Amino acid sequence: MRFAKMHGLGNDFIMIQGEWDDPRYGALAVPLCDRFTGIGADGIIVYGLGREADLYMRIYNSDGSEAKMCGNATRCLGKLAYESGLVKKEIITVDTQGGRKALELRVEDGVVYSVRVNMGVPILECARIPALCDAPRFVDMPYTASGMEVRGTLVNMGNPHSVVFLEDIAALDLGAIGPGFERHPMFPDRINTEFVQVEPDGSLTMRVYERGAGETMACGTGACAVMVAARLLQKVGNTARIHLTKGDLLLSWAGEGEPVYMEGPAAWVYDGILREESR
């Protein structure tokens, strides 16, 4: 089985061309994503040529669970498809479990240096997050997790997210507090949590604890959720620069009913062959 190792700002993936309904990949994700005995990654991306869209992709987290959408992985797939010649277009559509996404590739001398993705219209209704709420929406509302009293804003960007603004996120021990947020009883399908601080220049810095993966260096759908929450709370305008561990993402959102756009880089690390004994 051939694969490519790629990452979007440190959020790394094992990219495997395979069938949409192949049942193997969820089980393979756990051993292959192990950073000591496997290839090492935050997840597996299974992709191929689509029927109506140019491509399809499915996303399996490092614990074997499936995610509906991943912005960083989508950018990686756009770069891989173009540079490998699988889809030689600068506008590419991708079918995901979270809906169809459109990618605009920035190309120079045959190399994709950045990808802009239409990430779709954010969902704010609690029932569709899903979250067990008394109010129709959960915007800047209090809850307690891992012994912390915080105010969260819930956004679904293909994956469910809780965005929490704090004064200082650097000191947080996400390994210790993350599981309590991920598995909070308010969230029947678990949740991704973004911890965000507003910088003096108006940009945003975020850390993320992803369901099924733990703390990761970046999360594209999470950055989109942060953009939505920040604009709803009037912390930013229609655009924002979001700082992650390995670099920045540029986000834009014109407001309710409009899609969120995300732009950032993707990197092709290496290609490999998975042998039977590796599994």
Foldseek 3Di string as FASTA:
>chain_A
DKWFWKWFLQQIETEAADDPPPPPQLVVLQLQCPPPQHVHHQWYWYKDQDDPFRMEIWIAGNNSHTAQDFPTVVQQVVQCCCLVVVDVDQWGWYQTSLGIKIKGFDDDPSGGFKIKIFLFAKDFACVVLPFQDPDRGQAQDWDDWLNDIFGWGWICSSHIETETEDADDPPDPQVRGVVRQQVPVRDPNGHKYWYWYQDPVLAIEIWIQGVRRGTTQDTDSHVQVVQQNCVVVPSDDQWHWYDTDRGIKIWGDHDHPTTIMIMGGMGTDGMDDDDPVSD
